[in-house]
Amino acid sequence: MSEKLFRGMALGAAAAATAVLLVPAVAEAARPLARRGMKLAILAFLQGREAVAHAMEMAEDAYAEASADLKEQAEKMAHAEPSEASAPDAQKRGSTLEPKSRHQ
């Protein structure tokens, strides 16, 4: 059992020494890749923000146009001549304010 323990400790020490030697080299090699990735992420964010701003502008324009259409339609209806279509329901049925007698 002590032989397995010794072998495990030796492998662990060798792995640690290798990692100490390799990590700085790998980190140094990975730095340009990391910077490139960050640049791409920043560019993607800026393009996305621009696309969202454009979409918001289009939505605001559509809202303003629809609102203006509704306002124009309401103004036309307010200036239109009264007709049966705009008369109250009571006048359409011919009812009055006086109650009808039961024996007609």
PDB file of N, CA and C in Angstrom:
ATOM      1  N   MET A   1       0.823  -1.177   0.000  1.00  0.00           N
ATOM      2  CA  MET A   1       0.000   0.000   0.000  1.00  0.00           C
ATOM      3  C   MET A   1       0.871   1.247   0.000  1.00  0.00           C
ATOM      4  N   SER A   2       1.958   1.233   0.664  1.00  0.00           N
ATOM      5  CA  SER A   2       2.823   2.396   0.686  1.00  0.00           C
ATOM      6  C   SER A   2       3.441   2.648  -0.682  1.00  0.00           C
ATOM      7  N   GLU A   3       3.617   1.591  -1.476  1.00  0.00           N
ATOM      8  CA  GLU A   3       4.145   1.775  -2.824  1.00  0.00           C
ATOM      9  C   GLU A   3       3.125   2.526  -3.692  1.00  0.00           C
ATOM     10  N   LYS A   4       1.836   2.192  -3.567  1.00  0.00           N
ATOM     11  CA  LYS A   4       0.797   2.895  -4.317  1.00  0.00           C
ATOM     12  C   LYS A   4       0.697   4.347  -3.864  1.00  0.00           C
ATOM     13  N   LEU A   5       0.837   4.564  -2.563  1.00  0.00           N
ATOM     14  CA  LEU A   5       0.783   5.922  -2.030  1.00  0.00           C
ATOM     15  C   LEU A   5       1.953   6.744  -2.568  1.00  0.00           C
ATOM     16  N   PHE A   6       3.137   6.144  -2.547  1.00  0.00           N
ATOM     17  CA  PHE A   6       4.318   6.842  -3.055  1.00  0.00           C
ATOM     18  C   PHE A   6       4.163   7.156  -4.541  1.00  0.00           C
ATOM     19  N   ARG A   7       3.698   6.186  -5.318  1.00  0.00           N
ATOM     20  CA  ARG A   7       3.508   6.388  -6.747  1.00  0.00           C
ATOM     21  C   ARG A   7       2.474   7.495  -7.000  1.00  0.00           C
ATOM     22  N   GLY A   8       1.386   7.530  -6.249  1.00  0.00           N
ATOM     23  CA  GLY A   8       0.357   8.561  -6.399  1.00  0.00           C
ATOM     24  C   GLY A   8       0.888   9.946  -6.063  1.00  0.00           C
ATOM     25  N   MET A   9       1.702  10.001  -4.975  1.00  0.00           N
ATOM     26  CA  MET A   9       2.282  11.291  -4.581  1.00  0.00           C
ATOM     27  C   MET A   9       3.272  11.781  -5.638  1.00  0.00           C
ATOM     28  N   ALA A  10       4.051  10.855  -6.201  1.00  0.00           N
ATOM     29  CA  ALA A  10       5.021  11.227  -7.236  1.00  0.00           C
ATOM     30  C   ALA A  10       4.297  11.729  -8.476  1.00  0.00           C
ATOM     31  N   LEU A  11       3.228  11.055  -8.886  1.00  0.00           N
ATOM     32  CA  LEU A  11       2.451  11.508 -10.055  1.00  0.00           C
ATOM     33  C   LEU A  11       1.812  12.872  -9.786  1.00  0.00           C
ATOM     34  N   GLY A  12       1.300  13.066  -8.588  1.00  0.00           N
ATOM     35  CA  GLY A  12       0.695  14.350  -8.226  1.00  0.00           C
ATOM     36  C   GLY A  12       1.715  15.472  -8.254  1.00  0.00           C
ATOM     37  N   ALA A  13       2.924  15.218  -7.725  1.00  0.00           N
ATOM     38  CA  ALA A  13       3.971  16.240  -7.724  1.00  0.00           C
ATOM     39  C   ALA A  13       4.415  16.553  -9.152  1.00  0.00           C
ATOM     40  N   ALA A  14       4.533  15.517  -9.980  1.00  0.00           N
ATOM     41  CA  ALA A  14       4.937  15.735 -11.370  1.00  0.00           C
ATOM     42  C   ALA A  14       3.871  16.535 -12.115  1.00  0.00           C
ATOM     43  N   ALA A  15       2.607  16.228 -11.872  1.00  0.00           N
ATOM     44  CA  ALA A  15       1.518  16.964 -12.514  1.00  0.00           C
ATOM     45  C   ALA A  15       1.514  18.424 -12.063  1.00  0.00           C
ATOM     46  N   ALA A  16       1.756  18.667 -10.783  1.00  0.00           N
ATOM     47  CA  ALA A  16       1.784  20.031 -10.264  1.00  0.00           C
ATOM     48  C   ALA A  16       2.950  20.809 -10.870  1.00  0.00           C
ATOM     49  N   ALA A  17       4.109  20.185 -10.963  1.00  0.00           N
ATOM     50  CA  ALA A  17       5.275  20.861 -11.540  1.00  0.00           C
ATOM     51  C   ALA A  17       5.037  21.169 -13.009  1.00  0.00           C
ATOM     52  N   THR A  18       4.443  20.217 -13.716  1.00  0.00           N
ATOM     53  CA  THR A  18       4.144  20.430 -15.135  1.00  0.00           C
ATOM     54  C   THR A  18       3.136  21.566 -15.287  1.00  0.00           C
ATOM     55  N   ALA A  19       2.137  21.596 -14.443  1.00  0.00           N
ATOM     56  CA  ALA A  19       1.117  22.650 -14.514  1.00  0.00           C
ATOM     57  C   ALA A  19       1.737  24.007 -14.236  1.00  0.00           C
ATOM     58  N   VAL A  20       2.638  24.092 -13.256  1.00  0.00           N
ATOM     59  CA  VAL A  20       3.289  25.365 -12.933  1.00  0.00           C
ATOM     60  C   VAL A  20       4.096  25.859 -14.124  1.00  0.00           C
ATOM     61  N   LEU A  21       4.711  24.933 -14.853  1.00  0.00           N
ATOM     62  CA  LEU A  21       5.503  25.320 -16.017  1.00  0.00           C
ATOM     63  C   LEU A  21       4.628  25.634 -17.231  1.00  0.00           C
ATOM     64  N   LEU A  22       3.530  24.903 -17.402  1.00  0.00           N
ATOM     65  CA  LEU A  22       2.696  25.059 -18.594  1.00  0.00           C
ATOM     66  C   LEU A  22       1.671  26.193 -18.488  1.00  0.00           C
ATOM     67  N   VAL A  23       1.147  26.451 -17.324  1.00  0.00           N
ATOM     68  CA  VAL A  23       0.092  27.448 -17.170  1.00  0.00           C
ATOM     69  C   VAL A  23       0.533  28.820 -17.665  1.00  0.00           C
ATOM     70  N   PRO A  24       1.693  29.333 -17.285  1.00  0.00           N
ATOM     71  CA  PRO A  24       2.091  30.648 -17.822  1.00  0.00           C
ATOM     72  C   PRO A  24       2.234  30.643 -19.343  1.00  0.00           C
ATOM     73  N   ALA A  25       2.772  29.577 -19.900  1.00  0.00           N
ATOM     74  CA  ALA A  25       2.937  29.505 -21.350  1.00  0.00           C
ATOM     75  C   ALA A  25       1.579  29.456 -22.042  1.00  0.00           C
ATOM     76  N   VAL A  26       0.671  28.663 -21.500  1.00  0.00           N
ATOM     77  CA  VAL A  26      -0.676  28.566 -22.078  1.00  0.00           C
ATOM     78  C   VAL A  26      -1.411  29.886 -21.904  1.00  0.00           C
ATOM     79  N   ALA A  27      -1.284  30.502 -20.740  1.00  0.00           N
ATOM     80  CA  ALA A  27      -1.956  31.778 -20.490  1.00  0.00           C
ATOM     81  C   ALA A  27      -1.427  32.849 -21.434  1.00  0.00           C
ATOM     82  N   GLU A  28      -0.123  32.865 -21.653  1.00  0.00           N
ATOM     83  CA  GLU A  28       0.467  33.855 -22.550  1.00  0.00           C
ATOM     84  C   GLU A  28       0.015  33.637 -23.989  1.00  0.00           C
ATOM     85  N   ALA A  29      -0.115  32.406 -24.398  1.00  0.00           N
ATOM     86  CA  ALA A  29      -0.566  32.099 -25.751  1.00  0.00           C
ATOM     87  C   ALA A  29      -2.065  32.382 -25.904  1.00  0.00           C
ATOM     88  N   ALA A  30      -2.806  32.215 -24.831  1.00  0.00           N
ATOM     89  CA  ALA A  30      -4.258  32.398 -24.888  1.00  0.00           C
ATOM     90  C   ALA A  30      -4.655  33.874 -24.822  1.00  0.00           C
ATOM     91  N   ARG A  31      -3.773  34.736 -24.366  1.00  0.00           N
ATOM     92  CA  ARG A  31      -4.114  36.152 -24.206  1.00  0.00           C
ATOM     93  C   ARG A  31      -4.551  36.802 -25.526  1.00  0.00           C
ATOM     94  N   PRO A  32      -3.828  36.635 -26.635  1.00  0.00           N
ATOM     95  CA  PRO A  32      -4.299  37.236 -27.889  1.00  0.00           C
ATOM     96  C   PRO A  32      -5.652  36.683 -28.326  1.00  0.00           C
ATOM     97  N   LEU A  33      -5.874  35.399 -28.092  1.00  0.00           N
ATOM     98  CA  LEU A  33      -7.177  34.820 -28.432  1.00  0.00           C
ATOM     99  C   LEU A  33      -8.281  35.426 -27.572  1.00  0.00           C
ATOM    100  N   ALA A  34      -7.987  35.631 -26.304  1.00  0.00           N
ATOM    101  CA  ALA A  34      -8.973  36.224 -25.403  1.00  0.00           C
ATOM    102  C   ALA A  34      -9.285  37.662 -25.829  1.00  0.00           C
ATOM    103  N   ARG A  35      -8.255  38.427 -26.198  1.00  0.00           N
ATOM    104  CA  ARG A  35      -8.473  39.804 -26.656  1.00  0.00           C
ATOM    105  C   ARG A  35      -9.301  39.825 -27.929  1.00  0.00           C
ATOM    106  N   ARG A  36      -9.015  38.921 -28.831  1.00  0.00           N
ATOM    107  CA  ARG A  36      -9.765  38.846 -30.085  1.00  0.00           C
ATOM    108  C   ARG A  36     -11.234  38.511 -29.809  1.00  0.00           C
ATOM    109  N   GLY A  37     -11.436  37.578 -28.894  1.00  0.00           N
ATOM    110  CA  GLY A  37     -12.806  37.229 -28.513  1.00  0.00           C
ATOM    111  C   GLY A  37     -13.549  38.405 -27.898  1.00  0.00           C
ATOM    112  N   MET A  38     -12.838  39.169 -27.062  1.00  0.00           N
ATOM    113  CA  MET A  38     -13.461  40.350 -26.444  1.00  0.00           C
ATOM    114  C   MET A  38     -13.808  41.401 -27.494  1.00  0.00           C
ATOM    115  N   LYS A  39     -12.923  41.609 -28.468  1.00  0.00           N
ATOM    116  CA  LYS A  39     -13.211  42.565 -29.541  1.00  0.00           C
ATOM    117  C   LYS A  39     -14.460  42.149 -30.313  1.00  0.00           C
ATOM    118  N   LEU A  40     -14.540  40.868 -30.643  1.00  0.00           N
ATOM    119  CA  LEU A  40     -15.713  40.380 -31.375  1.00  0.00           C
ATOM    120  C   LEU A  40     -16.987  40.553 -30.552  1.00  0.00           C
ATOM    121  N   ALA A  41     -16.893  40.290 -29.248  1.00  0.00           N
ATOM    122  CA  ALA A  41     -18.061  40.446 -28.384  1.00  0.00           C
ATOM    123  C   ALA A  41     -18.500  41.909 -28.326  1.00  0.00           C
ATOM    124  N   ILE A  42     -17.537  42.830 -28.237  1.00  0.00           N
ATOM    125  CA  ILE A  42     -17.869  44.262 -28.194  1.00  0.00           C
ATOM    126  C   ILE A  42     -18.519  44.695 -29.509  1.00  0.00           C
ATOM    127  N   LEU A  43     -17.950  44.261 -30.634  1.00  0.00           N
ATOM    128  CA  LEU A  43     -18.527  44.614 -31.936  1.00  0.00           C
ATOM    129  C   LEU A  43     -19.944  44.057 -32.083  1.00  0.00           C
ATOM    130  N   ALA A  44     -20.146  42.820 -31.644  1.00  0.00           N
ATOM    131  CA  ALA A  44     -21.480  42.216 -31.724  1.00  0.00           C
ATOM    132  C   ALA A  44     -22.468  42.991 -30.859  1.00  0.00           C
ATOM    133  N   PHE A  45     -22.032  43.394 -29.673  1.00  0.00           N
ATOM    134  CA  PHE A  45     -22.903  44.174 -28.786  1.00  0.00           C
ATOM    135  C   PHE A  45     -23.286  45.502 -29.429  1.00  0.00           C
ATOM    136  N   LEU A  46     -22.298  46.198 -30.009  1.00  0.00           N
ATOM    137  CA  LEU A  46     -22.579  47.496 -30.628  1.00  0.00           C
ATOM    138  C   LEU A  46     -23.521  47.355 -31.822  1.00  0.00           C
ATOM    139  N   GLN A  47     -23.318  46.324 -32.628  1.00  0.00           N
ATOM    140  CA  GLN A  47     -24.212  46.102 -33.772  1.00  0.00           C
ATOM    141  C   GLN A  47     -25.615  45.733 -33.292  1.00  0.00           C
ATOM    142  N   GLY A  48     -25.689  44.947 -32.249  1.00  0.00           N
ATOM    143  CA  GLY A  48     -26.997  44.588 -31.691  1.00  0.00           C
ATOM    144  C   GLY A  48     -27.720  45.800 -31.143  1.00  0.00           C
ATOM    145  N   ARG A  49     -26.982  46.659 -30.457  1.00  0.00           N
ATOM    146  CA  ARG A  49     -27.589  47.871 -29.903  1.00  0.00           C
ATOM    147  C   ARG A  49     -28.103  48.764 -31.025  1.00  0.00           C
ATOM    148  N   GLU A  50     -27.346  48.866 -32.109  1.00  0.00           N
ATOM    149  CA  GLU A  50     -27.773  49.670 -33.257  1.00  0.00           C
ATOM    150  C   GLU A  50     -29.028  49.082 -33.904  1.00  0.00           C
ATOM    151  N   ALA A  51     -29.068  47.759 -34.022  1.00  0.00           N
ATOM    152  CA  ALA A  51     -30.240  47.104 -34.613  1.00  0.00           C
ATOM    153  C   ALA A  51     -31.481  47.323 -33.748  1.00  0.00           C
ATOM    154  N   VAL A  52     -31.323  47.249 -32.438  1.00  0.00           N
ATOM    155  CA  VAL A  52     -32.456  47.466 -31.531  1.00  0.00           C
ATOM    156  C   VAL A  52     -32.926  48.918 -31.622  1.00  0.00           C
ATOM    157  N   ALA A  53     -31.991  49.858 -31.705  1.00  0.00           N
ATOM    158  CA  ALA A  53     -32.376  51.266 -31.825  1.00  0.00           C
ATOM    159  C   ALA A  53     -33.147  51.508 -33.121  1.00  0.00           C
ATOM    160  N   HIS A  54     -32.711  50.872 -34.197  1.00  0.00           N
ATOM    161  CA  HIS A  54     -33.406  51.008 -35.478  1.00  0.00           C
ATOM    162  C   HIS A  54     -34.822  50.422 -35.388  1.00  0.00           C
ATOM    163  N   ALA A  55     -34.942  49.256 -34.761  1.00  0.00           N
ATOM    164  CA  ALA A  55     -36.258  48.624 -34.604  1.00  0.00           C
ATOM    165  C   ALA A  55     -37.176  49.489 -33.742  1.00  0.00           C
ATOM    166  N   MET A  56     -36.635  50.079 -32.696  1.00  0.00           N
ATOM    167  CA  MET A  56     -37.443  50.956 -31.833  1.00  0.00           C
ATOM    168  C   MET A  56     -37.910  52.193 -32.606  1.00  0.00           C
ATOM    169  N   GLU A  57     -37.033  52.749 -33.440  1.00  0.00           N
ATOM    170  CA  GLU A  57     -37.414  53.910 -34.232  1.00  0.00           C
ATOM    171  C   GLU A  57     -38.546  53.555 -35.197  1.00  0.00           C
ATOM    172  N   MET A  58     -38.453  52.383 -35.821  1.00  0.00           N
ATOM    173  CA  MET A  58     -39.516  51.954 -36.736  1.00  0.00           C
ATOM    174  C   MET A  58     -40.830  51.753 -35.986  1.00  0.00           C
ATOM    175  N   ALA A  59     -40.766  51.175 -34.791  1.00  0.00           N
ATOM    176  CA  ALA A  59     -41.976  50.955 -34.000  1.00  0.00           C
ATOM    177  C   ALA A  59     -42.593  52.290 -33.575  1.00  0.00           C
ATOM    178  N   GLU A  60     -41.760  53.244 -33.175  1.00  0.00           N
ATOM    179  CA  GLU A  60     -42.272  54.564 -32.790  1.00  0.00           C
ATOM    180  C   GLU A  60     -42.923  55.266 -33.976  1.00  0.00           C
ATOM    181  N   ASP A  61     -42.322  55.147 -35.159  1.00  0.00           N
ATOM    182  CA  ASP A  61     -42.907  55.745 -36.355  1.00  0.00           C
ATOM    183  C   ASP A  61     -44.268  55.120 -36.674  1.00  0.00           C
ATOM    184  N   ALA A  62     -44.342  53.802 -36.597  1.00  0.00           N
ATOM    185  CA  ALA A  62     -45.605  53.111 -36.874  1.00  0.00           C
ATOM    186  C   ALA A  62     -46.673  53.526 -35.869  1.00  0.00           C
ATOM    187  N   TYR A  63     -46.294  53.653 -34.597  1.00  0.00           N
ATOM    188  CA  TYR A  63     -47.238  54.086 -33.565  1.00  0.00           C
ATOM    189  C   TYR A  63     -47.734  55.500 -33.854  1.00  0.00           C
ATOM    190  N   ALA A  64     -46.826  56.397 -34.214  1.00  0.00           N
ATOM    191  CA  ALA A  64     -47.210  57.782 -34.494  1.00  0.00           C
ATOM    192  C   ALA A  64     -48.148  57.841 -35.697  1.00  0.00           C
ATOM    193  N   GLU A  65     -47.863  57.052 -36.729  1.00  0.00           N
ATOM    194  CA  GLU A  65     -48.729  57.042 -37.906  1.00  0.00           C
ATOM    195  C   GLU A  65     -50.114  56.491 -37.576  1.00  0.00           C
ATOM    196  N   ALA A  66     -50.178  55.420 -36.814  1.00  0.00           N
ATOM    197  CA  ALA A  66     -51.470  54.843 -36.434  1.00  0.00           C
ATOM    198  C   ALA A  66     -52.254  55.809 -35.555  1.00  0.00           C
ATOM    199  N   SER A  67     -51.576  56.473 -34.638  1.00  0.00           N
ATOM    200  CA  SER A  67     -52.231  57.442 -33.764  1.00  0.00           C
ATOM    201  C   SER A  67     -52.785  58.615 -34.579  1.00  0.00           C
ATOM    202  N   ALA A  68     -52.017  59.090 -35.559  1.00  0.00           N
ATOM    203  CA  ALA A  68     -52.486  60.180 -36.411  1.00  0.00           C
ATOM    204  C   ALA A  68     -53.689  59.736 -37.246  1.00  0.00           C
ATOM    205  N   ASP A  69     -53.663  58.504 -37.745  1.00  0.00           N
ATOM    206  CA  ASP A  69     -54.803  57.979 -38.500  1.00  0.00           C
ATOM    207  C   ASP A  69     -56.062  57.946 -37.642  1.00  0.00           C
ATOM    208  N   LEU A  70     -55.948  57.495 -36.410  1.00  0.00           N
ATOM    209  CA  LEU A  70     -57.107  57.441 -35.513  1.00  0.00           C
ATOM    210  C   LEU A  70     -57.630  58.836 -35.197  1.00  0.00           C
ATOM    211  N   LYS A  71     -56.717  59.776 -34.984  1.00  0.00           N
ATOM    212  CA  LYS A  71     -57.131  61.145 -34.690  1.00  0.00           C
ATOM    213  C   LYS A  71     -57.868  61.744 -35.884  1.00  0.00           C
ATOM    214  N   GLU A  72     -57.336  61.509 -37.078  1.00  0.00           N
ATOM    215  CA  GLU A  72     -57.983  62.014 -38.301  1.00  0.00           C
ATOM    216  C   GLU A  72     -59.356  61.389 -38.477  1.00  0.00           C
ATOM    217  N   GLN A  73     -59.470  60.106 -38.215  1.00  0.00           N
ATOM    218  CA  GLN A  73     -60.752  59.406 -38.340  1.00  0.00           C
ATOM    219  C   GLN A  73     -61.758  59.966 -37.332  1.00  0.00           C
ATOM    220  N   ALA A  74     -61.320  60.229 -36.116  1.00  0.00           N
ATOM    221  CA  ALA A  74     -62.213  60.782 -35.092  1.00  0.00           C
ATOM    222  C   ALA A  74     -62.675  62.183 -35.474  1.00  0.00           C
ATOM    223  N   GLU A  75     -61.772  62.981 -36.035  1.00  0.00           N
ATOM    224  CA  GLU A  75     -62.152  64.332 -36.457  1.00  0.00           C
ATOM    225  C   GLU A  75     -63.168  64.286 -37.596  1.00  0.00           C
ATOM    226  N   LYS A  76     -63.009  63.365 -38.526  1.00  0.00           N
ATOM    227  CA  LYS A  76     -63.966  63.218 -39.619  1.00  0.00           C
ATOM    228  C   LYS A  76     -65.332  62.829 -39.091  1.00  0.00           C
ATOM    229  N   MET A  77     -65.373  61.934 -38.135  1.00  0.00           N
ATOM    230  CA  MET A  77     -66.650  61.489 -37.573  1.00  0.00           C
ATOM    231  C   MET A  77     -67.308  62.614 -36.782  1.00  0.00           C
ATOM    232  N   ALA A  78     -66.512  63.456 -36.114  1.00  0.00           N
ATOM    233  CA  ALA A  78     -67.070  64.560 -35.331  1.00  0.00           C
ATOM    234  C   ALA A  78     -67.666  65.627 -36.240  1.00  0.00           C
ATOM    235  N   HIS A  79     -67.126  65.821 -37.433  1.00  0.00           N
ATOM    236  CA  HIS A  79     -67.607  66.844 -38.353  1.00  0.00           C
ATOM    237  C   HIS A  79     -68.655  66.314 -39.328  1.00  0.00           C
ATOM    238  N   ALA A  80     -68.910  65.034 -39.309  1.00  0.00           N
ATOM    239  CA  ALA A  80     -69.890  64.441 -40.225  1.00  0.00           C
ATOM    240  C   ALA A  80     -71.295  64.852 -39.810  1.00  0.00           C
ATOM    241  N   GLU A  81     -72.226  64.894 -40.767  1.00  0.00           N
ATOM    242  CA  GLU A  81     -73.616  65.243 -40.481  1.00  0.00           C
ATOM    243  C   GLU A  81     -74.261  64.122 -39.686  1.00  0.00           C
ATOM    244  N   PRO A  82     -75.129  64.459 -38.722  1.00  0.00           N
ATOM    245  CA  PRO A  82     -75.814  63.411 -37.964  1.00  0.00           C
ATOM    246  C   PRO A  82     -76.724  62.608 -38.894  1.00  0.00           C
ATOM    247  N   SER A  83     -76.774  61.341 -38.676  1.00  0.00           N
ATOM    248  CA  SER A  83     -77.636  60.473 -39.477  1.00  0.00           C
ATOM    249  C   SER A  83     -78.247  59.435 -38.557  1.00  0.00           C
ATOM    250  N   GLU A  84     -79.049  58.576 -39.141  1.00  0.00           N
ATOM    251  CA  GLU A  84     -79.657  57.530 -38.326  1.00  0.00           C
ATOM    252  C   GLU A  84     -78.612  56.615 -37.730  1.00  0.00           C
ATOM    253  N   ALA A  85     -77.504  56.489 -38.398  1.00  0.00           N
ATOM    254  CA  ALA A  85     -76.453  55.611 -37.906  1.00  0.00           C
ATOM    255  C   ALA A  85     -75.876  56.136 -36.596  1.00  0.00           C
ATOM    256  N   SER A  86     -75.936  57.470 -36.388  1.00  0.00           N
ATOM    257  CA  SER A  86     -75.367  58.017 -35.157  1.00  0.00           C
ATOM    258  C   SER A  86     -76.453  58.383 -34.144  1.00  0.00           C
ATOM    259  N   ALA A  87     -77.737  58.141 -34.451  1.00  0.00           N
ATOM    260  CA  ALA A  87     -78.823  58.466 -33.530  1.00  0.00           C
ATOM    261  C   ALA A  87     -78.821  57.494 -32.356  1.00  0.00           C
ATOM    262  N   PRO A  88     -79.275  57.971 -31.196  1.00  0.00           N
ATOM    263  CA  PRO A  88     -79.332  57.067 -30.028  1.00  0.00           C
ATOM    264  C   PRO A  88     -80.332  55.935 -30.265  1.00  0.00           C
ATOM    265  N   ASP A  89     -80.145  54.847 -29.547  1.00  0.00           N
ATOM    266  CA  ASP A  89     -81.004  53.672 -29.700  1.00  0.00           C
ATOM    267  C   ASP A  89     -82.469  53.978 -29.411  1.00  0.00           C
ATOM    268  N   ALA A  90     -82.760  54.826 -28.453  1.00  0.00           N
ATOM    269  CA  ALA A  90     -84.146  55.121 -28.097  1.00  0.00           C
ATOM    270  C   ALA A  90     -84.871  55.795 -29.252  1.00  0.00           C
ATOM    271  N   GLN A  91     -84.205  56.677 -29.967  1.00  0.00           N
ATOM    272  CA  GLN A  91     -84.840  57.346 -31.101  1.00  0.00           C
ATOM    273  C   GLN A  91     -85.036  56.371 -32.258  1.00  0.00           C
ATOM    274  N   LYS A  92     -84.130  55.430 -32.437  1.00  0.00           N
ATOM    275  CA  LYS A  92     -84.266  54.444 -33.506  1.00  0.00           C
ATOM    276  C   LYS A  92     -85.516  53.601 -33.317  1.00  0.00           C
ATOM    277  N   ARG A  93     -85.818  53.263 -32.073  1.00  0.00           N
ATOM    278  CA  ARG A  93     -86.984  52.421 -31.802  1.00  0.00           C
ATOM    279  C   ARG A  93     -88.262  53.229 -31.767  1.00  0.00           C
ATOM    280  N   GLY A  94     -88.161  54.560 -31.742  1.00  0.00           N
ATOM    281  CA  GLY A  94     -89.349  55.400 -31.723  1.00  0.00           C
ATOM    282  C   GLY A  94     -89.946  55.538 -30.338  1.00  0.00           C
ATOM    283  N   SER A  95     -89.213  55.255 -29.294  1.00  0.00           N
ATOM    284  CA  SER A  95     -89.759  55.355 -27.942  1.00  0.00           C
ATOM    285  C   SER A  95     -89.662  56.791 -27.457  1.00  0.00           C
ATOM    286  N   THR A  96     -90.493  57.110 -26.480  1.00  0.00           N
ATOM    287  CA  THR A  96     -90.501  58.442 -25.887  1.00  0.00           C
ATOM    288  C   THR A  96     -90.275  58.297 -24.410  1.00  0.00           C
ATOM    289  N   LEU A  97     -90.257  59.422 -23.741  1.00  0.00           N
ATOM    290  CA  LEU A  97     -90.073  59.384 -22.305  1.00  0.00           C
ATOM    291  C   LEU A  97     -91.366  59.028 -21.568  1.00  0.00           C
ATOM    292  N   GLU A  98     -92.518  59.149 -22.244  1.00  0.00           N
ATOM    293  CA  GLU A  98     -93.798  58.838 -21.610  1.00  0.00           C
ATOM    294  C   GLU A  98     -94.047  57.342 -21.666  1.00  0.00           C
ATOM    295  N   PRO A  99     -94.559  56.773 -20.582  1.00  0.00           N
ATOM    296  CA  PRO A  99     -94.858  55.332 -20.596  1.00  0.00           C
ATOM    297  C   PRO A  99     -96.039  55.035 -21.493  1.00  0.00           C
ATOM    298  N   LYS A 100     -96.037  53.900 -22.109  1.00  0.00           N
ATOM    299  CA  LYS A 100     -97.154  53.487 -22.981  1.00  0.00           C
ATOM    300  C   LYS A 100     -98.287  52.958 -22.101  1.00  0.00           C
ATOM    301  N   SER A 101     -99.501  53.192 -22.577  1.00  0.00           N
ATOM    302  CA  SER A 101    -100.626  52.668 -21.833  1.00  0.00           C
ATOM    303  C   SER A 101    -100.779  51.189 -22.116  1.00  0.00           C
ATOM    304  N   ARG A 102    -101.406  50.485 -21.208  1.00  0.00           N
ATOM    305  CA  ARG A 102    -101.561  49.023 -21.339  1.00  0.00           C
ATOM    306  C   ARG A 102    -102.649  48.660 -22.339  1.00  0.00           C
ATOM    307  N   HIS A 103    -103.630  49.502 -22.530  1.00  0.00           N
ATOM    308  CA  HIS A 103    -104.786  49.141 -23.339  1.00  0.00           C
ATOM    309  C   HIS A 103    -104.770  49.816 -24.697  1.00  0.00           C
ATOM    310  N   GLN A 104    -103.842  49.644 -25.490  1.00  0.00           N
ATOM    311  CA  GLN A 104    -103.835  50.242 -26.835  1.00  0.00           C
ATOM    312  C   GLN A 104    -104.303  49.297 -27.842  1.00  0.00           C
TER     313      GLN A 104
END
